[in-house]
Every structure is written in C-alpha cells, then in structure tokens.
Protein backbone atom coordinates (compact mmCIF):
# COMPACT_ATOMS: atom_id res chain seq x y z
CA MET A 1 48.80 33.56 -37.18
CA ALA A 2 46.68 31.34 -35.19
CA ARG A 3 45.71 27.86 -36.66
CA THR A 4 42.16 28.35 -37.92
CA HIS A 5 41.43 24.24 -39.20
CA ILE A 6 41.94 21.62 -36.70
CA GLU A 7 40.70 17.66 -37.16
CA TYR A 8 39.60 15.07 -35.01
CA ASP A 9 39.22 10.87 -35.70
CA LEU A 10 35.77 10.46 -34.22
CA SER A 11 34.20 7.76 -32.70
CA PHE A 12 31.98 5.76 -29.63
CA ALA A 13 32.97 3.72 -27.36
CA THR A 14 29.07 2.81 -26.50
CA PRO A 15 26.05 3.15 -28.97
CA ALA A 16 25.19 6.71 -29.56
CA PHE A 17 21.32 7.27 -29.24
CA VAL A 18 22.08 11.05 -31.43
CA GLY A 19 18.27 11.78 -32.23
CA ASP A 20 17.45 13.93 -35.42
CA ALA A 21 13.92 15.48 -36.13
CA ALA A 22 12.38 12.04 -36.16
CA GLN A 23 14.48 10.88 -33.08
CA GLN A 24 16.33 8.58 -35.13
CA ALA A 25 20.25 8.37 -34.66
CA GLN A 26 22.29 10.31 -37.37
CA TRP A 27 25.70 11.82 -37.17
CA ARG A 28 24.92 15.87 -36.47
CA THR A 29 27.15 18.59 -35.33
CA PRO A 30 24.59 20.82 -33.22
CA PRO A 31 24.94 17.81 -30.12
CA LEU A 32 28.81 17.98 -30.73
CA LYS A 33 28.90 21.70 -30.60
CA ALA A 34 26.46 21.52 -27.32
CA LEU A 35 28.95 19.62 -25.51
CA ILE A 36 32.09 21.43 -26.98
CA ARG A 37 30.22 24.58 -25.18
CA GLN A 38 29.39 22.61 -21.83
CA TRP A 39 33.13 21.88 -21.34
CA TRP A 40 34.24 25.02 -22.34
CA ARG A 41 32.13 26.91 -19.33
CA VAL A 42 34.70 24.28 -17.54
CA VAL A 43 37.56 25.62 -19.06
CA LYS A 44 36.63 29.36 -18.74
CA ALA A 45 34.59 29.69 -15.51
CA PRO A 46 37.69 30.47 -13.32
CA GLN A 47 39.35 32.90 -15.57
CA VAL A 48 35.70 34.99 -14.61
CA SER A 49 35.52 34.03 -10.90
CA PHE A 50 32.31 31.83 -11.87
CA ASN A 51 30.53 34.69 -12.46
CA VAL A 52 27.33 33.78 -15.01
CA ASP A 53 26.36 37.61 -15.96
CA GLY A 54 27.25 41.00 -15.79
CA PRO A 55 29.53 43.17 -18.50
CA TYR A 56 32.88 40.72 -18.30
CA GLY A 57 30.86 37.43 -17.11
CA LEU A 58 30.55 33.91 -18.68
CA ARG A 59 27.59 34.62 -21.03
CA VAL A 60 29.12 37.02 -22.80
CA HIS A 61 32.55 35.67 -23.28
CA GLU A 62 30.11 32.70 -24.57
CA ALA A 63 28.38 34.82 -26.91
CA GLN A 64 31.48 36.23 -28.38
CA LEU A 65 33.04 32.84 -29.06
CA PHE A 66 29.83 30.87 -29.89
CA GLY A 67 27.79 33.52 -31.32
CA SER A 68 24.12 35.11 -30.04
CA ALA A 69 20.73 35.71 -31.64
CA SER A 70 19.70 37.91 -28.66
CA ASP A 71 17.83 41.19 -28.95
CA LYS A 72 20.58 42.97 -27.64
CA GLN A 73 23.83 41.30 -28.84
CA ALA A 74 23.92 39.31 -32.68
CA ASN A 75 27.01 38.01 -34.02
CA GLN A 76 28.34 34.77 -35.29
CA SER A 77 29.83 31.81 -34.27
CA LEU A 78 33.97 32.37 -34.37
CA VAL A 79 33.92 28.33 -33.65
CA LYS A 80 31.92 25.90 -37.10
CA LEU A 81 31.79 22.29 -37.24
CA ARG A 82 31.86 19.99 -40.14
CA LEU A 83 31.49 16.34 -40.07
CA GLN A 84 32.48 14.12 -43.34
CA ASP A 85 29.70 11.79 -42.86
CA TRP A 86 26.01 12.51 -42.02
CA ALA A 87 25.02 8.88 -42.43
CA GLY A 88 22.05 7.43 -39.92
CA GLY A 89 23.05 4.72 -37.09
CA ARG A 90 22.99 1.29 -38.11
CA LEU A 91 22.47 -0.52 -34.69
CA GLU A 92 18.82 -0.91 -34.66
CA ASN A 93 15.94 -2.75 -32.81
CA SER A 94 16.27 -6.11 -34.70
CA THR A 95 20.15 -6.21 -34.22
CA TRP A 96 19.97 -5.06 -30.60
CA PRO A 97 22.12 -7.62 -29.02
CA ARG A 98 19.74 -8.45 -25.97
CA GLN A 99 21.02 -12.12 -25.43
CA GLU A 100 24.29 -10.75 -24.48
CA MET A 101 23.72 -7.91 -22.05
CA GLY A 102 24.31 -8.61 -18.44
CA LYS A 103 21.90 -8.50 -15.33
CA ILE A 104 21.71 -6.73 -12.20
CA PRO A 105 20.25 -7.35 -9.32
CA LEU A 106 17.70 -4.76 -8.11
CA GLY A 107 15.64 -4.43 -4.37
CA LYS A 108 14.26 -7.39 -3.68
CA PRO A 109 16.21 -11.19 -3.59
CA GLY A 110 15.65 -12.50 -7.11
CA GLN A 111 14.61 -9.34 -8.84
CA VAL A 112 17.15 -8.54 -11.91
CA ILE A 113 17.09 -6.31 -14.39
CA ARG A 114 18.92 -5.94 -17.70
CA ALA A 115 22.17 -3.33 -17.88
CA ASP A 116 21.19 -1.78 -21.08
CA LEU A 117 17.44 -1.54 -19.57
CA TYR A 118 18.75 0.24 -16.55
CA LEU A 119 21.12 2.88 -17.78
CA GLY A 120 19.15 3.41 -20.96
CA PHE A 121 15.91 3.98 -19.94
CA GLY A 122 14.14 5.96 -22.42
CA PRO A 123 15.83 5.04 -25.87
CA ILE A 124 15.47 1.72 -24.53
CA THR A 125 11.99 1.02 -23.91
CA PRO A 126 11.03 -2.15 -21.74
CA ALA A 127 8.46 -4.47 -22.75
CA SER A 128 4.52 -3.63 -21.19
CA SER A 129 2.16 -6.73 -20.82
CA LYS A 130 -0.46 -4.08 -19.72
CA LYS A 131 -0.37 -2.76 -23.16
CA GLY A 132 0.64 -5.57 -25.15
CA LEU A 133 3.75 -3.75 -26.22
CA ALA A 134 7.16 -5.57 -27.42
CA GLU A 135 10.56 -4.00 -26.24
CA GLN A 136 11.64 -1.17 -28.31
CA VAL A 137 14.95 0.14 -28.66
CA ARG A 138 15.95 3.13 -30.59
CA ARG A 139 18.14 3.29 -33.63
CA ALA A 140 21.17 3.97 -32.29
CA ILE A 141 25.07 4.68 -34.00
CA ASP A 142 27.30 1.23 -33.76
CA PRO A 143 30.22 2.22 -31.95
CA GLN A 144 31.71 -1.19 -33.91
CA LYS A 145 30.98 -0.40 -37.15
CA GLN A 146 30.88 3.48 -37.70
CA ARG A 147 33.56 6.16 -37.31
CA ASN A 148 33.64 9.80 -38.63
CA LYS A 149 36.19 12.69 -38.70
CA LEU A 150 35.52 16.06 -37.32
CA SER A 151 36.76 19.45 -38.33
CA VAL A 152 36.78 22.19 -36.10
CA PHE A 153 37.23 26.06 -37.64
CA PHE A 154 37.94 28.96 -36.36
CA ALA A 155 36.87 32.41 -37.69
CA ARG A 156 40.23 34.79 -38.61
CA THR A 157 39.31 37.01 -35.86
CA ALA A 158 39.59 34.28 -33.09
CA THR A 159 41.85 34.93 -30.86
CA GLU A 160 44.91 32.59 -29.98
CA ASN A 161 43.33 32.54 -26.57
CA GLN A 162 40.09 31.28 -27.74
CA ILE A 163 40.95 28.88 -29.82
CA ASP A 164 43.34 26.96 -27.45
CA GLU A 165 40.27 27.12 -25.05
CA VAL A 166 38.25 24.86 -27.51
CA ARG A 167 41.24 22.83 -27.76
CA GLN A 168 40.82 22.27 -23.91
CA ALA A 169 36.94 21.98 -24.28
CA ILE A 170 37.39 18.91 -27.13
CA GLN A 171 40.14 17.67 -24.77
CA LEU A 172 37.63 17.56 -21.65
CA ALA A 173 34.70 16.39 -24.00
CA SER A 174 36.94 13.68 -25.17
CA TRP A 175 38.11 12.75 -21.72
CA PHE A 176 34.65 12.88 -19.95
CA GLY A 177 31.82 13.45 -22.19
CA GLY A 178 29.06 11.92 -24.39
CA ILE A 179 26.39 12.97 -26.65
CA GLY A 180 23.08 12.06 -26.94
CA SER A 181 20.11 10.76 -24.83
CA ARG A 182 21.50 9.54 -21.80
CA SER A 183 24.92 10.12 -22.07
CA ARG A 184 26.11 10.85 -18.71
CA ASN A 185 25.26 7.42 -17.58
CA GLY A 186 27.38 6.00 -20.43
CA TRP A 187 25.73 5.89 -23.87
CA GLY A 188 27.10 8.02 -26.69
CA SER A 189 30.72 8.10 -25.29
CA ILE A 190 32.79 9.63 -27.17
CA THR A 191 36.61 9.34 -28.39
CA LEU A 192 38.03 12.45 -30.43
CA GLN A 193 41.37 11.47 -31.53
CA GLY A 194 44.15 13.87 -33.23
CA ASP A 195 45.52 17.57 -32.08
CA THR A 196 47.73 15.01 -29.18
CA ILE A 197 44.88 14.21 -27.46
CA PRO A 198 46.15 11.20 -25.21
CA ARG A 199 43.25 8.66 -24.73
CA LEU A 200 42.84 9.27 -21.11
CA PRO A 201 44.23 11.80 -18.68
CA PRO A 202 47.65 11.09 -17.75
CA SER A 203 47.68 12.51 -14.69
CA PRO A 204 45.93 14.55 -11.93
CA ASN A 205 48.16 17.64 -12.80
CA VAL A 206 46.57 18.04 -16.15
CA LEU A 207 43.17 18.78 -14.78
CA ALA A 208 44.28 21.25 -11.69
CA ALA A 209 43.08 24.11 -13.87
CA TYR A 210 39.54 22.55 -14.20
CA CYS A 211 39.45 21.68 -10.31
CA GLN A 212 37.55 23.29 -6.92
CA PRO A 213 37.02 22.05 -3.58
CA PHE A 214 33.95 20.04 -4.19
CA ARG A 215 32.69 21.18 -0.32
CA GLY A 216 32.26 24.55 -1.69
CA CYS A 217 30.42 23.62 -5.26
CA PHE A 218 27.04 23.58 -3.29
CA THR A 219 26.51 27.58 -3.46
CA LEU A 220 23.31 28.56 -4.94
CA ASP A 221 25.14 30.53 -7.41
CA ARG A 222 26.63 27.89 -8.86
CA ASP A 223 23.57 25.71 -9.43
CA TRP A 224 25.71 24.74 -13.26
CA PRO A 225 28.65 22.00 -13.58
CA HIS A 226 31.26 24.45 -13.33
CA ALA A 227 34.08 22.44 -12.15
CA ILE A 228 35.54 19.35 -11.86
CA GLY A 229 35.32 18.57 -7.79
CA LYS A 230 38.46 17.78 -6.19
CA ASP A 231 38.64 16.13 -2.11
CA GLU A 232 41.63 15.34 -0.01
CA LEU A 233 42.37 12.36 -2.37
CA GLY A 234 42.64 14.67 -5.52
CA PRO A 235 40.27 14.95 -8.62
CA LEU A 236 36.88 13.65 -8.41
CA VAL A 237 37.68 11.34 -11.45
CA TRP A 238 37.84 7.82 -11.61
CA VAL A 239 39.53 5.78 -14.32
CA GLY A 240 39.22 1.79 -14.73
CA ARG A 241 37.96 -0.56 -12.22
CA ARG A 242 39.69 -1.99 -9.65
CA ASP A 243 41.59 -4.49 -11.02
CA GLY A 244 42.77 -2.79 -13.71
CA ALA A 245 41.51 -4.87 -16.56
CA PRO A 246 39.69 -3.28 -19.55
CA PHE A 247 36.32 -4.88 -20.99
CA ARG A 248 36.43 -6.73 -24.39
CA ASN A 249 33.10 -4.86 -25.86
CA TRP A 250 30.57 -2.03 -24.68
CA ARG A 251 28.15 -4.93 -23.12
CA GLU A 252 30.69 -5.90 -20.52
CA ALA A 253 31.23 -2.24 -19.89
CA VAL A 254 27.49 -1.07 -19.88
CA LEU A 255 27.03 -3.67 -17.24
CA PHE A 256 29.93 -2.35 -14.93
CA LEU A 257 28.79 1.05 -15.27
CA ALA A 258 25.04 -0.02 -14.46
CA THR A 259 26.36 -1.59 -11.25
CA VAL A 260 28.51 1.41 -9.98
CA ARG A 261 25.08 3.64 -10.84
CA ARG A 262 23.22 1.18 -8.80
CA SER A 263 25.12 0.92 -6.19
CA VAL A 264 25.56 4.92 -6.03
CA ARG A 265 21.83 4.77 -5.90
CA CYS A 266 21.71 2.73 -2.87
CA ALA A 267 24.73 4.56 -0.67
CA ALA A 268 22.65 7.43 -1.34
CA LYS A 269 19.33 5.76 -0.26
CA ARG A 270 21.05 5.46 3.25
CA PHE A 271 20.50 8.49 3.65
CA GLY A 272 16.81 8.63 3.22
CA ARG A 273 14.29 11.65 2.73
CA ASN A 274 12.67 14.85 4.36
CA GLN A 275 8.98 15.57 3.17
CA ASP A 276 9.32 16.21 -0.22
CA ILE A 277 13.50 15.74 -0.78
CA SER A 278 15.33 12.51 -1.03
CA ALA A 279 18.65 11.82 -0.99
CA ASN A 280 18.52 9.92 -4.40
CA GLN A 281 16.78 13.16 -5.91
CA LEU A 282 19.94 15.10 -5.39
CA ILE A 283 21.83 12.81 -7.37
CA ALA A 284 19.90 13.41 -10.33
CA TYR A 285 16.04 13.44 -10.84
CA PRO A 286 13.24 12.40 -11.61
CA VAL A 287 13.60 9.26 -9.33
CA THR A 288 11.59 6.03 -10.07
CA GLN A 289 9.02 5.57 -7.14
CA SER A 290 10.24 8.46 -5.05
CA ASN A 291 8.35 11.39 -5.90
CA ASN A 292 8.32 15.12 -5.34
CA GLY A 293 4.99 17.03 -5.03
CA LYS A 294 6.64 20.59 -5.14
CA TRP A 295 8.71 19.25 -8.22
CA GLY A 296 6.03 16.94 -10.45
CA ASN A 297 7.21 15.37 -12.92
CA ASP A 298 8.12 17.84 -15.35
CA GLU A 299 11.53 19.03 -13.63
CA ARG A 300 14.93 17.50 -14.25
CA ILE A 301 17.96 17.52 -12.94
CA ALA A 302 20.78 16.57 -14.61
CA GLY A 303 23.08 14.29 -12.78
CA SER A 304 26.57 15.82 -11.99
CA LEU A 305 27.95 12.57 -11.59
CA ARG A 306 28.96 11.52 -15.49
CA LEU A 307 30.06 7.80 -16.28
CA LYS A 308 31.74 7.45 -19.86
CA VAL A 309 33.26 4.34 -21.53
CA VAL A 310 36.89 4.96 -23.20
CA GLU A 311 38.35 3.10 -25.88
CA THR A 312 42.16 2.83 -25.26
CA GLY A 313 43.42 0.79 -27.96
CA GLN A 314 43.77 -2.20 -25.51
CA GLY A 315 40.39 -2.45 -24.29
CA LEU A 316 37.19 -0.63 -23.19
CA VAL A 317 38.20 1.47 -19.75
CA PRO A 318 35.31 2.76 -17.33
CA VAL A 319 35.82 6.59 -16.09
CA ALA A 320 33.37 8.47 -13.69
CA VAL A 321 33.71 11.68 -13.18
CA HIS A 322 31.74 14.49 -10.92
CA LEU A 323 31.20 17.94 -11.20
CA PRO A 324 29.33 19.43 -8.40
CA CYS A 325 26.89 21.84 -8.05
CA ALA A 326 24.16 23.13 -6.03
CA VAL A 327 20.43 21.92 -6.48
CA PRO A 328 18.86 24.63 -9.50
CA ARG A 329 17.61 27.79 -7.57
CA VAL A 330 14.20 27.71 -9.05
CA LEU A 331 13.71 24.05 -7.88
CA PHE A 332 15.39 25.13 -4.39
CA ASP A 333 13.29 27.64 -3.99
CA LYS A 334 9.96 25.69 -4.31
CA LEU A 335 10.55 23.46 -1.24
CA SER A 336 9.64 23.87 1.92
CA SER A 337 12.34 25.29 4.31
CA SER A 338 12.27 21.82 5.90
CA ASP A 339 13.50 20.17 3.06
CA GLN A 340 16.12 23.45 2.17
CA GLN A 341 17.29 22.99 5.82
CA TRP A 342 17.66 19.04 4.98
CA ILE A 343 19.92 19.48 1.89
CA ASN A 344 22.15 21.82 3.25
CA SER A 345 22.51 19.82 6.35
CA HIS A 346 22.92 16.25 4.26
CA GLN A 347 24.07 16.71 0.58
CA LEU A 348 27.76 17.02 1.46
CA ASP A 349 27.66 13.93 3.67
CA ILE A 350 25.58 11.95 0.88
CA TRP A 351 28.41 13.11 -1.69
CA VAL A 352 31.21 12.00 0.48
CA ALA A 353 29.45 8.25 0.68
CA VAL A 354 29.12 7.97 -2.72
CA HIS A 355 32.46 9.34 -3.93
CA ARG A 356 33.87 6.10 -0.96
CA ASP A 357 31.22 3.89 -2.48
CA ILE A 358 32.70 4.64 -6.35
CA ASP A 359 36.23 4.02 -4.43
CA GLN A 360 35.69 0.79 -3.99
CA LYS A 361 35.06 -0.24 -7.25
CA MET A 362 37.20 2.15 -9.47
CA ASN A 363 40.79 3.50 -9.41
CA ARG A 364 41.39 7.64 -8.56
CA LEU A 365 43.38 9.23 -10.94
CA GLY A 366 47.11 9.18 -10.31
CA ALA A 367 46.41 6.91 -7.07
CA ALA A 368 48.91 3.96 -6.35
CA LYS A 369 47.16 0.85 -7.74
C-alpha cells in the first residue's frame, strides 16, 4: 500500500508576505497547495508531451489529483494539507530592520534605492512626500522566529505514481519556490525539510527529467512555465555567488538578489524596444517607466526567472532558476505585427544575455568553481 501521510518541517529563509483576507501575514495552506501545483505541472508536463487540453492533457490529470469544481467534472482533491500552526506574522512595520538594509545604485550617478524596496515594492510601500505618507511594510512571517510543520495527506485512492509526483513537486518547491507577494524576487523563500529532501539540488542529473532546451520553450503553445531551461552549459540553475561564501542573514541575501535583478534588467535593457514592446517587458510586466500602450496597467507577465534564498545550515545561499516560456498568447495577440516580429527576432538573444550576466555573479549548478 502506498504511503498516505508525509510530514515536513517548514520555514522561510526570507520574510514571507503571505496575506489572509485582510492582507495580514498568516500561515495558510492555500498558497502552499498552489505552489505544489505549480511545480507538479513541471513534473507532469513531459509525461503528456506538454499538452494542456484534450482527454489526456495536463488539465485532466491535475483535476484528478487536486480536485475540480467545474460543471463537467467535479471531484475532491486526493491531496490535503494541514499546518500545525496558523499564527499570524510577527515581523511588523515597526520592527522592520530598515537601518540594516543595503542599497543598490540606479541609473543616474548618486541615485540609489534600498534593496528591500527594490525587490519588495507592493508589500513594502515607499514614503510619498507628495501625499505626506510614511513608508509602510506589510506584516510578514519572520524567518528568524517562526517555524511550522506541514502534513501532506493522500486519499487511499491516490496511486503510487500520483504520490510520487507530488513528492517530486515538493522537492522542487523547496529548492526553487517561494510563496506570498514578490516571491519570485526572493521573498517568502520556503524550506521544506523531511522525506529525504537535500537542502540544494546535489547535481544537474537530478533535474534532467524537468529540463528542456530553452531555445525551444518559446512557442506560443508553451506560454506557461512548463520546464526548467537548459543550454550548452546545463540547466539554467545557479547556486551560490561566485566566491562561494554564504550569507550570514537575510538582509545580506536580499541585497545580493537585488543586485542580480538590477543587473539582469540592465542586460535586457541594452536591446531597447520596438513600438509598444521593450526587452524588459519580456522579463516581467509591468515595468516602471516603460509603458505598453496595448497592454495597459492591468495586464501581467509573471517573471520566468525566479530568485530564491536557501538555508543550508551553514548560512544562506542564493539560488536562481529560469523557466522559459512564451509571452502569454492573449497578450501577444494584442501587439502589432511589428512588435510580434520584434519579439520573435530578439527574445532568444535577450535571454542569452541575461544568462551570461547571471553567470558572472553566480555559479551554475554542477559547474567547476
């Protein structure tokens, strides 16, 4: 009989802005289940030849495992999560360590910004002199003081293959995932310990089943994060900064991630723009001071480059992973034919430049140091 209950020790390496209904930080299972589902799709996608729809497509398998409430198919989830503690976050605006935050340079000489503001705009709201408003930081789960336990239960009807797929997804989530606001910038970097999960992926070989050549990941039928990219150097996974030294605390780690993100934006920016589209909009959208008249302010492109911090026991280690995918079809179709052609001609070169830039700052997984 398949094992039907697995437990994990749960913690964060960086503050987690995980909001409840009132946008106040609290341990909650829905974002954890959403994270597991995201990485389960990466596990399952190659088994269905990356087909989303159809009688044997990804949606059908996902509904069978995680439940569905649609008119055509309604069934309960075979996976249930339980947290030991549902306490609220303890890191509040009044105790946010502003004075310990490093700063990164912006475009103009002498222009700098605090690393936490740069990575956390939204949950961290800068002061507004025009409105007379002070800076506010939304309450967060404190990575230094708060821990939890996660129990994962499987229905007796779950197959061994389904259970194994979820276990693989949880392993990937622990290596590369985060939850809450701005988690792709490194906030809410989650650690799930137990079930023999190593803190970091031990070699590129363990990721082989989840990787695809990144140059083939931009077809319009793959406009969702379906695989970890790889190039001639291996998986597009970076672990640790170039000198190999871990960070002593999350403030140092956030400063480094902010430096990486800023540098990536600069590397893309060198490719400029066409009519409505710019290189930086392909990294993530919206972009400050880079409008797209066809998309407006309400559309979103989630960043396919994910930043993460991992607690190794000897210190904090930065991690980056790229899950390349096409511009969402609904947004691509809104662009002019000139902008569409510009994307098709430039997006590979833009991402090659981004990868090379990260190679200068971090170590490729498995590369000789």
